[in-house]
Amino acid sequence: MRFLSYLTTLLIAVLLSACGGGGGSPGLSSGPILSTTAPSSLIVPVGSANQYVINGGSAPYFVKTPDAAIAVGWVNNQTLTIGAVNGGKTTVSVVDSGGSQVDIAVTVGSSTALYTTAPATFTIAPKTSQTFTVGGGAAPYTATSSDSSAVTVALVGGNLTITGVSLGNTATLTIRDSAGVTLTVAVTVGSAKMSITPSSAKAFIGDVVVATITGGTPPYRALVFVPDAITATIENQNQLTMTYQRLCDPCVVTVFDANDQSIAFTGTVINGQNVIRLSPNALSVVETDTQDIKLLAYGLAAGPMQVFSSNPKLLKATAPTTGNAVVVSTGTNGTRCVAADTPVTITVLDSKGSVGTAIITITDNNGGAGC
């Protein structure tokens, strides 16, 4: 009887050993551990689908996706597919029939935070557009304007186009990615301050003087207060071209932009002529204006021309290879900043030794404190 009891106990032990012992969960695989070829965390763009291989564990496998609005997953035999739906973060889990689980952290979007190359605050001229880039975050993006009567916005892919509508108004632009992250851009509709180079010029009767307009909002128009002394037209969109016709000191030409912002040019018409004439022969520019200045030389003898600057550190002069236009540009200092109004004499020497001069005065507009 004691032997029978011992035999029964031994048989039970053998049976339990054959079933995998008394511990653990029923059905757990004694083979390789469940794994996938997917990394433990991955970043995928919206609308993409990526495939990976499932290894180990106990088939069949299935997928848990707690937030299908961001990413979904499905299994076909040992192939795992993860599809990106909308921007955000979630976890996709692979589970085998024995209950083993592998988690994959999924970020739908970009590893770079949402950004735009548009400045946080800027001014745009009315009836003009500027284009910037939107990137990072989770595409696709949207953009809206708080006041489309002041500023409109269009977003195509990653190209953000901002258009000014009405002068003097403001609007806030909101850029949003598909994960709900937002950026804002404050836009003011205004105009860049107008400037004109040169701002004044003295020349002889019959001379043509050209000044360059910058800033404001084209198109420009010119108003002459003494129209029989100076005629003025706008050419090449931003050039004020004037012909001096009779003695006048001073003659004011006012340039207006499309929004009636204005700037004045002061002309002085003088009598007589030099053997060589430089037109204009006296002009002024502000120290912050670094545009090239064009002087026209008249009465030159045939042959090569030489030009000189009395202060090449501030202004340098270049003789033309053809024609009669002397170009004056910023000198070796690389700047026109002056501590006080500073005259610079430009001298022209023709092949027969005749001389002509023009005086360019660089005006200090900051009390000697620098540009």
Protein backbone atom coordinates (compact mmCIF):
# COMPACT_ATOMS: atom_id res chain seq x y z
CA MET A 1 0.00 0.00 0.00
CA ARG A 2 2.90 2.31 0.88
CA PHE A 3 4.60 1.43 -2.44
CA LEU A 4 1.42 2.26 -4.40
CA SER A 5 1.27 5.66 -2.75
CA TYR A 6 4.92 6.33 -3.65
CA LEU A 7 4.30 5.30 -7.27
CA THR A 8 1.30 7.56 -7.56
CA THR A 9 3.30 10.52 -6.25
CA LEU A 10 6.12 9.85 -8.70
CA LEU A 11 3.68 9.63 -11.63
CA ILE A 12 2.10 12.98 -10.72
CA ALA A 13 5.56 14.59 -10.55
CA VAL A 14 6.45 13.24 -14.00
CA LEU A 15 3.20 14.48 -15.47
CA LEU A 16 3.69 17.94 -14.00
CA SER A 17 7.22 18.08 -15.35
CA ALA A 18 5.97 17.18 -18.82
CA CYS A 19 3.44 20.01 -18.66
CA GLY A 20 6.13 22.57 -17.85
CA GLY A 21 5.89 22.52 -14.10
CA GLY A 22 3.43 24.04 -11.78
CA GLY A 23 4.60 27.71 -12.13
CA GLY A 24 4.10 30.33 -14.90
CA SER A 25 1.22 31.10 -17.17
CA PRO A 26 -0.34 28.35 -19.26
CA GLY A 27 0.55 28.53 -22.93
CA LEU A 28 3.71 30.69 -22.52
CA SER A 29 6.31 29.84 -25.13
CA SER A 30 9.53 28.24 -24.03
CA GLY A 31 11.07 29.44 -27.37
CA PRO A 32 12.60 32.82 -28.31
CA ILE A 33 11.31 35.94 -26.56
CA LEU A 34 8.77 38.06 -28.45
CA SER A 35 10.44 40.93 -30.37
CA THR A 36 10.07 43.06 -33.50
CA THR A 37 12.47 44.74 -35.90
CA ALA A 38 10.79 48.07 -35.06
CA PRO A 39 12.83 50.32 -32.74
CA SER A 40 11.52 50.92 -29.23
CA SER A 41 10.65 54.47 -30.33
CA LEU A 42 10.19 55.87 -33.79
CA ILE A 43 9.19 59.09 -35.54
CA VAL A 44 7.02 58.86 -38.68
CA PRO A 45 5.42 61.51 -40.87
CA VAL A 46 1.66 61.87 -41.15
CA GLY A 47 0.18 59.56 -43.80
CA SER A 48 3.08 57.11 -43.87
CA ALA A 49 2.99 53.33 -43.24
CA ASN A 50 6.03 51.33 -42.15
CA GLN A 51 6.44 47.56 -41.97
CA TYR A 52 8.44 45.50 -39.49
CA VAL A 53 8.97 41.77 -38.73
CA ILE A 54 7.71 40.03 -35.58
CA ASN A 55 10.01 37.39 -34.12
CA GLY A 56 9.67 34.86 -31.30
CA GLY A 57 6.75 34.61 -28.94
CA SER A 58 3.70 32.49 -29.70
CA ALA A 59 1.64 33.09 -32.82
CA PRO A 60 -0.91 34.31 -33.57
CA TYR A 61 -0.08 37.95 -32.80
CA PHE A 62 -2.29 40.97 -32.48
CA VAL A 63 -1.82 44.75 -32.00
CA LYS A 64 -3.08 47.18 -29.38
CA THR A 65 -3.40 50.84 -30.44
CA PRO A 66 -4.88 52.95 -27.62
CA ASP A 67 -5.10 56.11 -29.74
CA ALA A 68 -6.06 55.23 -33.31
CA ALA A 69 -6.52 58.91 -34.09
CA ILE A 70 -2.71 59.24 -34.05
CA ALA A 71 -1.41 55.84 -35.23
CA VAL A 72 -2.82 52.40 -36.02
CA GLY A 73 -1.21 48.99 -36.36
CA TRP A 74 -2.10 45.63 -37.87
CA VAL A 75 -0.53 42.18 -38.28
CA ASN A 76 -0.37 39.86 -41.28
CA ASN A 77 1.32 36.61 -40.15
CA GLN A 78 4.67 37.94 -38.86
CA THR A 79 4.48 41.35 -40.57
CA LEU A 80 3.66 44.35 -38.40
CA THR A 81 2.46 47.53 -40.14
CA ILE A 82 2.27 50.88 -38.32
CA GLY A 83 0.31 53.65 -40.02
CA ALA A 84 0.59 57.34 -39.06
CA VAL A 85 -2.77 59.15 -38.98
CA ASN A 86 -2.33 62.54 -37.24
CA GLY A 87 0.37 64.38 -35.38
CA GLY A 88 0.99 63.39 -31.79
CA LYS A 89 2.42 60.64 -29.58
CA THR A 90 1.04 57.19 -28.73
CA THR A 91 2.13 53.60 -28.07
CA VAL A 92 1.63 50.67 -30.44
CA SER A 93 1.89 47.28 -28.69
CA VAL A 94 2.43 43.81 -30.19
CA VAL A 95 0.96 40.97 -28.10
CA ASP A 96 1.34 37.23 -28.70
CA SER A 97 -1.10 34.45 -27.81
CA GLY A 98 0.70 33.80 -24.54
CA GLY A 99 0.25 37.39 -23.35
CA SER A 100 3.81 38.61 -23.95
CA GLN A 101 3.91 42.23 -25.08
CA VAL A 102 6.35 44.57 -26.86
CA ASP A 103 5.68 48.33 -26.77
CA ILE A 104 6.72 50.79 -29.48
CA ALA A 105 6.60 54.52 -28.71
CA VAL A 106 5.35 56.27 -31.86
CA THR A 107 5.67 59.99 -32.57
CA VAL A 108 3.75 61.15 -35.63
CA GLY A 109 5.34 64.32 -36.97
CA SER A 110 8.90 65.62 -36.89
CA SER A 111 11.73 65.43 -34.39
CA THR A 112 12.03 69.20 -34.96
CA ALA A 113 9.59 71.49 -33.19
CA LEU A 114 7.12 73.44 -35.32
CA TYR A 115 8.83 76.56 -36.70
CA THR A 116 8.48 79.33 -39.26
CA THR A 117 11.08 81.61 -40.81
CA ALA A 118 8.64 84.51 -40.46
CA PRO A 119 9.66 86.84 -37.61
CA ALA A 120 7.37 86.97 -34.59
CA THR A 121 6.66 90.64 -35.33
CA PHE A 122 7.20 92.47 -38.59
CA THR A 123 5.85 95.18 -40.89
CA ILE A 124 4.71 94.62 -44.46
CA ALA A 125 3.79 97.21 -47.06
CA PRO A 126 0.20 97.21 -48.36
CA LYS A 127 -0.42 95.42 -51.64
CA THR A 128 2.82 93.45 -51.27
CA SER A 129 3.51 89.84 -50.32
CA GLN A 130 6.32 88.01 -48.55
CA THR A 131 6.85 84.25 -48.48
CA PHE A 132 8.31 82.30 -45.55
CA THR A 133 8.81 78.63 -44.65
CA VAL A 134 6.89 76.49 -42.16
CA GLY A 135 8.45 73.21 -41.02
CA GLY A 136 8.95 70.76 -38.17
CA GLY A 137 6.06 69.68 -36.00
CA ALA A 138 3.45 67.44 -37.55
CA ALA A 139 2.38 68.25 -41.09
CA PRO A 140 -0.02 69.15 -42.61
CA TYR A 141 -0.21 72.73 -41.36
CA THR A 142 -2.90 75.41 -41.36
CA ALA A 143 -2.64 79.20 -41.12
CA THR A 144 -5.31 81.78 -40.32
CA SER A 145 -5.45 85.57 -40.00
CA SER A 146 -7.29 87.35 -37.19
CA ASP A 147 -8.27 90.09 -39.67
CA SER A 148 -8.21 89.23 -43.36
CA SER A 149 -9.21 92.80 -44.23
CA ALA A 150 -5.78 93.87 -42.93
CA VAL A 151 -3.56 90.87 -43.70
CA THR A 152 -4.24 87.68 -45.66
CA VAL A 153 -2.30 84.46 -45.36
CA ALA A 154 -1.97 81.43 -47.64
CA LEU A 155 -0.18 78.18 -46.78
CA VAL A 156 0.71 75.66 -49.48
CA GLY A 157 2.75 72.79 -48.12
CA GLY A 158 5.52 74.52 -46.22
CA ASN A 159 5.27 77.85 -48.06
CA LEU A 160 3.59 80.62 -46.05
CA THR A 161 2.63 83.71 -48.07
CA ILE A 162 1.64 86.85 -46.15
CA THR A 163 0.00 89.77 -47.99
CA GLY A 164 -0.60 93.26 -46.63
CA VAL A 165 -4.04 94.64 -47.50
CA SER A 166 -4.84 97.95 -45.74
CA LEU A 167 -2.33 100.48 -44.46
CA GLY A 168 -2.14 101.15 -40.71
CA ASN A 169 -3.89 97.94 -39.61
CA THR A 170 -2.61 94.91 -37.73
CA ALA A 171 -3.44 91.20 -37.62
CA THR A 172 -2.24 88.12 -35.77
CA LEU A 173 -1.49 85.05 -37.86
CA THR A 174 -1.87 81.63 -36.23
CA ILE A 175 0.06 78.67 -37.64
CA ARG A 176 -1.06 75.25 -36.43
CA ASP A 177 0.24 71.74 -37.09
CA SER A 178 -1.83 68.56 -37.03
CA ALA A 179 -0.79 67.86 -33.43
CA GLY A 180 -2.38 71.12 -32.33
CA VAL A 181 0.88 72.99 -31.70
CA THR A 182 0.57 76.70 -32.63
CA LEU A 183 2.79 79.64 -33.49
CA THR A 184 1.71 83.27 -33.84
CA VAL A 185 3.04 86.09 -36.02
CA ALA A 186 2.04 89.72 -35.39
CA VAL A 187 1.89 91.70 -38.64
CA THR A 188 1.55 95.46 -39.08
CA VAL A 189 0.67 96.89 -42.49
CA GLY A 190 2.93 99.90 -43.01
CA SER A 191 5.63 101.24 -45.28
CA ALA A 192 9.39 101.38 -45.01
CA LYS A 193 10.64 104.92 -44.58
CA MET A 194 11.36 106.58 -47.92
CA SER A 195 14.81 107.88 -48.81
CA ILE A 196 16.32 109.52 -51.88
CA THR A 197 19.95 109.63 -53.04
CA PRO A 198 21.16 112.31 -53.52
CA SER A 199 18.77 114.41 -51.46
CA SER A 200 19.94 117.68 -53.00
CA ALA A 201 21.99 118.70 -56.02
CA LYS A 202 23.36 121.88 -57.61
CA ALA A 203 23.79 121.79 -61.40
CA PHE A 204 23.87 124.02 -64.47
CA ILE A 205 21.03 124.94 -66.79
CA GLY A 206 20.46 122.05 -69.18
CA ASP A 207 21.95 119.40 -66.89
CA VAL A 208 20.14 116.15 -66.14
CA VAL A 209 20.18 114.99 -62.51
CA VAL A 210 19.14 111.48 -61.44
CA ALA A 211 18.25 110.49 -57.87
CA THR A 212 17.36 107.01 -56.62
CA ILE A 213 14.26 106.37 -54.47
CA THR A 214 14.06 103.58 -51.90
CA GLY A 215 11.42 102.55 -49.34
CA GLY A 216 7.78 103.48 -49.40
CA THR A 217 5.32 101.67 -51.64
CA PRO A 218 5.65 101.99 -55.42
CA PRO A 219 4.49 103.37 -57.75
CA TYR A 220 6.02 106.78 -57.07
CA ARG A 221 5.03 110.17 -58.51
CA ALA A 222 6.83 113.52 -58.52
CA LEU A 223 5.49 117.02 -57.87
CA VAL A 224 7.63 120.06 -58.82
CA PHE A 225 6.78 123.35 -57.11
CA VAL A 226 8.47 125.41 -59.85
CA PRO A 227 7.74 123.30 -62.94
CA ASP A 228 9.28 125.73 -65.44
CA ALA A 229 12.62 125.58 -63.60
CA ILE A 230 12.89 121.79 -63.20
CA THR A 231 11.03 119.01 -64.98
CA ALA A 232 10.82 115.69 -63.16
CA THR A 233 9.71 112.19 -64.14
CA ILE A 234 9.91 108.74 -62.55
CA GLU A 235 11.87 106.29 -64.70
CA ASN A 236 12.83 102.64 -64.18
CA GLN A 237 10.30 102.53 -61.32
CA ASN A 238 12.57 104.19 -58.73
CA GLN A 239 14.65 106.86 -60.51
CA LEU A 240 13.75 110.53 -60.18
CA THR A 241 15.07 112.05 -63.42
CA MET A 242 15.20 115.86 -63.51
CA THR A 243 16.22 118.41 -66.14
CA TYR A 244 17.37 121.79 -64.84
CA GLN A 245 15.88 124.48 -67.14
CA ARG A 246 16.29 127.95 -65.58
CA LEU A 247 17.90 129.60 -62.59
CA CYS A 248 16.27 128.55 -59.34
CA ASP A 249 17.56 128.43 -55.75
CA PRO A 250 16.08 126.41 -54.20
CA CYS A 251 13.65 124.31 -56.27
CA VAL A 252 11.90 121.55 -54.33
CA VAL A 253 10.75 118.30 -55.97
CA THR A 254 8.52 116.15 -53.76
CA VAL A 255 8.21 112.41 -54.39
CA PHE A 256 5.06 110.62 -53.19
CA ASP A 257 4.51 106.88 -52.93
CA ALA A 258 1.25 104.96 -53.44
CA ASN A 259 0.21 105.71 -49.84
CA ASP A 260 1.08 109.45 -50.04
CA GLN A 261 4.22 109.07 -47.94
CA SER A 262 6.61 111.74 -49.25
CA ILE A 263 10.23 112.84 -49.37
CA ALA A 264 11.74 116.05 -50.73
CA PHE A 265 14.62 116.64 -53.13
CA THR A 266 16.18 120.14 -53.16
CA GLY A 267 17.62 121.32 -56.46
CA THR A 268 19.65 124.43 -57.20
CA VAL A 269 19.97 125.58 -60.82
CA ILE A 270 23.05 127.72 -61.47
CA ASN A 271 24.32 129.71 -64.46
CA GLY A 272 27.54 129.25 -66.43
CA GLN A 273 29.56 126.13 -67.13
CA ASN A 274 32.95 124.61 -66.49
CA VAL A 275 35.36 123.50 -69.19
CA ILE A 276 34.47 120.08 -67.84
CA ARG A 277 31.17 119.90 -66.03
CA LEU A 278 30.13 117.25 -63.56
CA SER A 279 26.41 117.05 -63.07
CA PRO A 280 25.38 117.46 -60.38
CA ASN A 281 28.41 119.42 -59.22
CA ALA A 282 27.20 119.75 -55.63
CA LEU A 283 25.02 117.29 -53.76
CA SER A 284 24.48 115.82 -50.32
CA VAL A 285 23.75 112.36 -48.97
CA VAL A 286 23.08 111.17 -45.43
CA GLU A 287 25.74 109.04 -43.79
CA THR A 288 23.50 105.96 -43.59
CA ASP A 289 22.76 105.94 -47.32
CA THR A 290 25.29 103.66 -49.03
CA GLN A 291 23.87 103.59 -52.54
CA ASP A 292 26.19 104.36 -55.45
CA ILE A 293 26.05 107.93 -56.79
CA LYS A 294 26.21 108.67 -60.53
CA LEU A 295 27.85 111.86 -61.82
CA LEU A 296 27.65 112.74 -65.53
CA ALA A 297 30.73 114.40 -67.07
CA TYR A 298 30.26 116.92 -69.91
CA GLY A 299 32.80 118.69 -72.16
CA LEU A 300 35.38 115.91 -72.07
CA ALA A 301 38.11 115.66 -74.69
CA ALA A 302 38.36 112.35 -76.50
CA GLY A 303 40.52 109.80 -74.77
CA PRO A 304 40.83 108.23 -71.34
CA MET A 305 39.43 109.97 -68.26
CA GLN A 306 40.92 109.95 -64.76
CA VAL A 307 38.91 110.47 -61.58
CA PHE A 308 40.01 111.20 -58.01
CA SER A 309 38.40 111.48 -54.57
CA SER A 310 39.66 113.88 -51.93
CA ASN A 311 38.67 111.36 -49.22
CA PRO A 312 38.88 107.81 -50.61
CA LYS A 313 38.23 106.41 -47.14
CA LEU A 314 34.67 107.76 -47.33
CA LEU A 315 34.02 107.83 -51.09
CA LYS A 316 35.83 106.34 -54.04
CA ALA A 317 35.28 107.29 -57.68
CA THR A 318 35.44 105.00 -60.70
CA ALA A 319 35.91 106.23 -64.27
CA PRO A 320 33.67 104.68 -66.92
CA THR A 321 35.10 102.38 -69.58
CA THR A 322 32.51 103.80 -71.98
CA GLY A 323 30.19 106.79 -71.76
CA ASN A 324 30.45 109.69 -69.33
CA ALA A 325 29.03 108.35 -66.05
CA VAL A 326 31.37 108.51 -63.06
CA VAL A 327 30.28 106.11 -60.30
CA VAL A 328 30.96 107.14 -56.69
CA SER A 329 30.70 104.39 -54.06
CA THR A 330 31.55 103.82 -50.40
CA GLY A 331 35.29 104.07 -49.77
CA THR A 332 37.85 101.91 -48.01
CA ASN A 333 36.31 102.52 -44.57
CA GLY A 334 33.37 100.40 -45.69
CA THR A 335 31.04 103.01 -44.22
CA ARG A 336 30.06 106.65 -44.74
CA CYS A 337 29.64 107.42 -41.04
CA VAL A 338 30.92 110.89 -40.14
CA ALA A 339 31.19 112.88 -36.91
CA ALA A 340 30.00 116.06 -38.67
CA ASP A 341 28.90 117.11 -42.16
CA THR A 342 31.87 116.26 -44.38
CA PRO A 343 32.45 117.47 -47.97
CA VAL A 344 34.28 115.21 -50.41
CA THR A 345 35.55 116.57 -53.74
CA ILE A 346 35.38 114.37 -56.83
CA THR A 347 37.78 115.53 -59.55
CA VAL A 348 37.73 114.54 -63.23
CA LEU A 349 40.77 114.98 -65.50
CA ASP A 350 40.42 114.43 -69.26
CA SER A 351 43.09 113.51 -71.82
CA LYS A 352 43.96 117.20 -72.43
CA GLY A 353 44.33 118.05 -68.77
CA SER A 354 41.03 119.87 -68.35
CA VAL A 355 39.57 119.58 -64.88
CA GLY A 356 36.07 119.33 -63.55
CA THR A 357 34.91 118.92 -59.95
CA ALA A 358 31.85 118.03 -57.91
CA ILE A 359 31.41 118.29 -54.15
CA ILE A 360 29.50 115.56 -52.33
CA THR A 361 28.60 116.46 -48.75
CA ILE A 362 28.01 113.52 -46.39
CA THR A 363 25.64 114.76 -43.72
CA ASP A 364 25.73 113.58 -40.12
CA ASN A 365 22.25 112.63 -38.97
CA ASN A 366 23.04 111.37 -35.49
CA GLY A 367 24.91 114.20 -33.78
CA GLY A 368 28.31 112.62 -34.25
CA ALA A 369 27.26 109.48 -32.39
CA GLY A 370 27.82 107.23 -35.41
CA CYS A 371 25.43 105.78 -37.94
